[in-house]
N, C-alpha and C. Protein backbone atom coordinates (compact mmCIF):
# COMPACT_ATOMS: atom_id res chain seq x y z
N MET A 1 7.46 52.04 8.85
CA MET A 1 8.55 51.73 9.76
C MET A 1 9.88 52.16 9.13
N ALA A 2 10.73 52.79 9.91
CA ALA A 2 12.02 53.27 9.41
C ALA A 2 12.98 52.12 9.17
N GLU A 3 13.80 52.28 8.13
CA GLU A 3 14.81 51.27 7.85
C GLU A 3 15.93 51.39 8.86
N PRO A 4 16.57 50.25 9.18
CA PRO A 4 17.70 50.32 10.11
C PRO A 4 18.84 51.14 9.50
N LYS A 5 19.59 51.80 10.33
CA LYS A 5 20.71 52.61 9.86
C LYS A 5 21.75 51.71 9.19
N LYS A 6 22.29 52.20 8.07
CA LYS A 6 23.32 51.45 7.37
C LYS A 6 24.68 52.02 7.74
N PHE A 7 25.59 51.15 8.10
CA PHE A 7 26.94 51.55 8.50
C PHE A 7 27.94 51.14 7.44
N LYS A 8 29.03 51.89 7.32
CA LYS A 8 30.08 51.56 6.36
C LYS A 8 30.91 50.37 6.82
N PHE A 9 30.92 50.12 8.14
CA PHE A 9 31.70 49.01 8.68
C PHE A 9 30.99 48.40 9.87
N SER A 10 31.46 47.24 10.27
CA SER A 10 30.96 46.56 11.47
C SER A 10 32.17 46.01 12.23
N PHE A 11 31.92 45.58 13.43
CA PHE A 11 32.96 44.91 14.21
C PHE A 11 32.57 43.45 14.37
N GLU A 12 33.57 42.57 14.35
CA GLU A 12 33.36 41.15 14.58
C GLU A 12 34.39 40.65 15.58
N ILE A 13 34.01 39.63 16.34
CA ILE A 13 34.92 39.02 17.31
C ILE A 13 35.32 37.65 16.80
N SER A 14 36.62 37.42 16.70
CA SER A 14 37.13 36.12 16.28
C SER A 14 37.04 35.14 17.44
N SER A 15 36.30 34.05 17.24
CA SER A 15 36.17 33.06 18.32
C SER A 15 37.50 32.35 18.58
N GLN A 16 38.40 32.33 17.60
CA GLN A 16 39.72 31.71 17.80
C GLN A 16 40.63 32.57 18.67
N LEU A 17 40.48 33.89 18.58
CA LEU A 17 41.34 34.80 19.35
C LEU A 17 40.73 35.22 20.68
N CYS A 18 39.41 35.12 20.80
CA CYS A 18 38.72 35.58 22.01
C CYS A 18 39.13 34.75 23.22
N MET A 19 39.55 35.43 24.29
CA MET A 19 39.94 34.77 25.54
C MET A 19 38.79 34.72 26.53
N ALA A 20 37.63 35.22 26.15
CA ALA A 20 36.45 35.28 27.02
C ALA A 20 36.75 36.02 28.32
N CYS A 21 37.51 37.10 28.21
CA CYS A 21 37.88 37.88 29.39
C CYS A 21 36.82 38.91 29.77
N ALA A 22 35.89 39.17 28.87
CA ALA A 22 34.77 40.11 29.08
C ALA A 22 35.17 41.58 29.04
N ALA A 23 36.38 41.90 28.60
CA ALA A 23 36.79 43.31 28.50
C ALA A 23 35.87 44.06 27.55
N CYS A 24 35.54 43.45 26.42
CA CYS A 24 34.65 44.10 25.45
C CYS A 24 33.25 44.29 26.03
N TRP A 25 32.77 43.30 26.71
CA TRP A 25 31.43 43.35 27.31
C TRP A 25 31.35 44.46 28.36
N LEU A 26 32.41 44.59 29.15
CA LEU A 26 32.44 45.63 30.19
C LEU A 26 32.48 47.03 29.57
N GLU A 27 33.14 47.19 28.44
CA GLU A 27 33.26 48.50 27.79
C GLU A 27 32.03 48.90 26.98
N CYS A 28 31.26 47.93 26.50
CA CYS A 28 30.14 48.23 25.62
C CYS A 28 29.01 48.91 26.38
N ARG A 29 28.60 50.09 25.90
CA ARG A 29 27.52 50.85 26.54
C ARG A 29 26.18 50.60 25.86
N ASP A 30 26.19 49.80 24.78
CA ASP A 30 24.99 49.62 23.97
C ASP A 30 24.36 48.24 24.11
N GLY A 31 24.93 47.37 24.93
CA GLY A 31 24.40 46.03 25.09
C GLY A 31 24.56 45.18 23.84
N ALA A 32 25.59 45.47 23.05
CA ALA A 32 25.80 44.77 21.78
C ALA A 32 26.66 43.51 21.92
N ILE A 33 27.36 43.36 23.03
CA ILE A 33 28.21 42.19 23.21
C ILE A 33 27.39 41.09 23.88
N VAL A 34 27.39 39.91 23.25
CA VAL A 34 26.66 38.77 23.78
C VAL A 34 27.62 37.62 24.05
N ASP A 35 27.33 36.87 25.07
CA ASP A 35 28.14 35.72 25.48
C ASP A 35 27.45 34.45 25.02
N ASP A 36 28.12 33.69 24.15
CA ASP A 36 27.51 32.45 23.66
C ASP A 36 27.92 31.23 24.49
N GLY A 37 28.56 31.48 25.63
CA GLY A 37 28.97 30.39 26.51
C GLY A 37 30.42 29.96 26.32
N ILE A 38 30.99 30.25 25.15
CA ILE A 38 32.38 29.89 24.86
C ILE A 38 33.21 31.14 24.63
N SER A 39 32.68 32.03 23.81
CA SER A 39 33.35 33.30 23.53
C SER A 39 32.27 34.37 23.39
N TYR A 40 32.68 35.54 23.02
CA TYR A 40 31.74 36.65 22.89
C TYR A 40 31.48 36.95 21.41
N ALA A 41 30.36 37.58 21.14
CA ALA A 41 29.99 37.97 19.78
C ALA A 41 29.33 39.33 19.84
N ILE A 42 29.15 39.95 18.68
CA ILE A 42 28.56 41.28 18.61
C ILE A 42 27.21 41.21 17.92
N ASN A 43 26.19 41.72 18.61
CA ASN A 43 24.86 41.84 18.02
C ASN A 43 24.86 43.13 17.20
N LYS A 44 24.92 42.99 15.88
CA LYS A 44 25.05 44.15 15.00
C LYS A 44 23.84 45.07 15.04
N ASP A 45 22.69 44.56 15.47
CA ASP A 45 21.50 45.41 15.57
C ASP A 45 21.63 46.42 16.72
N ASN A 46 22.36 46.07 17.77
CA ASN A 46 22.54 46.96 18.92
C ASN A 46 23.82 47.79 18.83
N CYS A 47 24.76 47.35 18.01
CA CYS A 47 26.08 47.99 17.93
C CYS A 47 25.98 49.36 17.26
N THR A 48 26.61 50.37 17.88
CA THR A 48 26.65 51.72 17.31
C THR A 48 27.98 52.03 16.63
N ARG A 49 28.87 51.04 16.57
CA ARG A 49 30.18 51.14 15.91
C ARG A 49 31.09 52.18 16.57
N CYS A 50 31.03 52.26 17.89
CA CYS A 50 31.86 53.23 18.61
C CYS A 50 33.32 52.78 18.72
N GLY A 51 33.57 51.46 18.68
CA GLY A 51 34.93 50.95 18.74
C GLY A 51 35.48 50.71 20.13
N ARG A 52 34.69 50.95 21.15
CA ARG A 52 35.17 50.75 22.53
C ARG A 52 35.58 49.29 22.76
N CYS A 53 34.82 48.36 22.20
CA CYS A 53 35.14 46.93 22.37
C CYS A 53 36.49 46.60 21.74
N SER A 54 36.73 47.15 20.56
CA SER A 54 37.98 46.89 19.85
C SER A 54 39.18 47.42 20.64
N ARG A 55 39.05 48.62 21.16
CA ARG A 55 40.15 49.21 21.94
C ARG A 55 40.37 48.49 23.26
N ALA A 56 39.33 47.88 23.82
CA ALA A 56 39.45 47.22 25.12
C ALA A 56 40.03 45.81 25.02
N CYS A 57 39.94 45.19 23.85
CA CYS A 57 40.32 43.78 23.71
C CYS A 57 41.84 43.58 23.82
N PRO A 58 42.31 42.79 24.81
CA PRO A 58 43.75 42.58 24.98
C PRO A 58 44.34 41.58 23.98
N SER A 59 43.49 40.81 23.30
CA SER A 59 44.00 39.79 22.37
C SER A 59 43.73 40.14 20.90
N ASP A 60 43.32 41.38 20.64
CA ASP A 60 43.02 41.83 19.27
C ASP A 60 42.02 40.92 18.57
N ALA A 61 41.04 40.40 19.30
CA ALA A 61 40.04 39.51 18.73
C ALA A 61 38.92 40.28 18.01
N VAL A 62 38.82 41.57 18.28
CA VAL A 62 37.76 42.38 17.66
C VAL A 62 38.35 43.08 16.44
N SER A 63 37.76 42.83 15.29
CA SER A 63 38.27 43.46 14.07
C SER A 63 37.18 44.25 13.37
N LYS A 64 37.62 45.26 12.64
CA LYS A 64 36.72 46.13 11.89
C LYS A 64 36.56 45.54 10.48
N ILE A 65 35.34 45.32 10.06
CA ILE A 65 35.04 44.73 8.76
C ILE A 65 34.25 45.74 7.95
N MET A 66 34.70 46.02 6.74
CA MET A 66 33.98 46.94 5.86
C MET A 66 32.74 46.25 5.31
N ASN A 67 31.60 46.94 5.30
CA ASN A 67 30.36 46.40 4.76
C ASN A 67 30.31 46.62 3.25
N ALA A 68 29.63 45.73 2.57
CA ALA A 68 29.52 45.83 1.10
C ALA A 68 28.60 46.95 0.70
């Protein structure tokens, strides 16, 4: 079985900044944005790191995090 692709960075959504407006969810073409009932989160297994969610977010809740 092939190992999952390793990325230099990931995106995360701050639950404190998220307005639950669904802008990121609407922009995501990979099904990586999940709704936990209060705010949104990113499923890193589905995320292709395209950045569409980050650019769509009106409250800057999506941030780029460098992986170790």
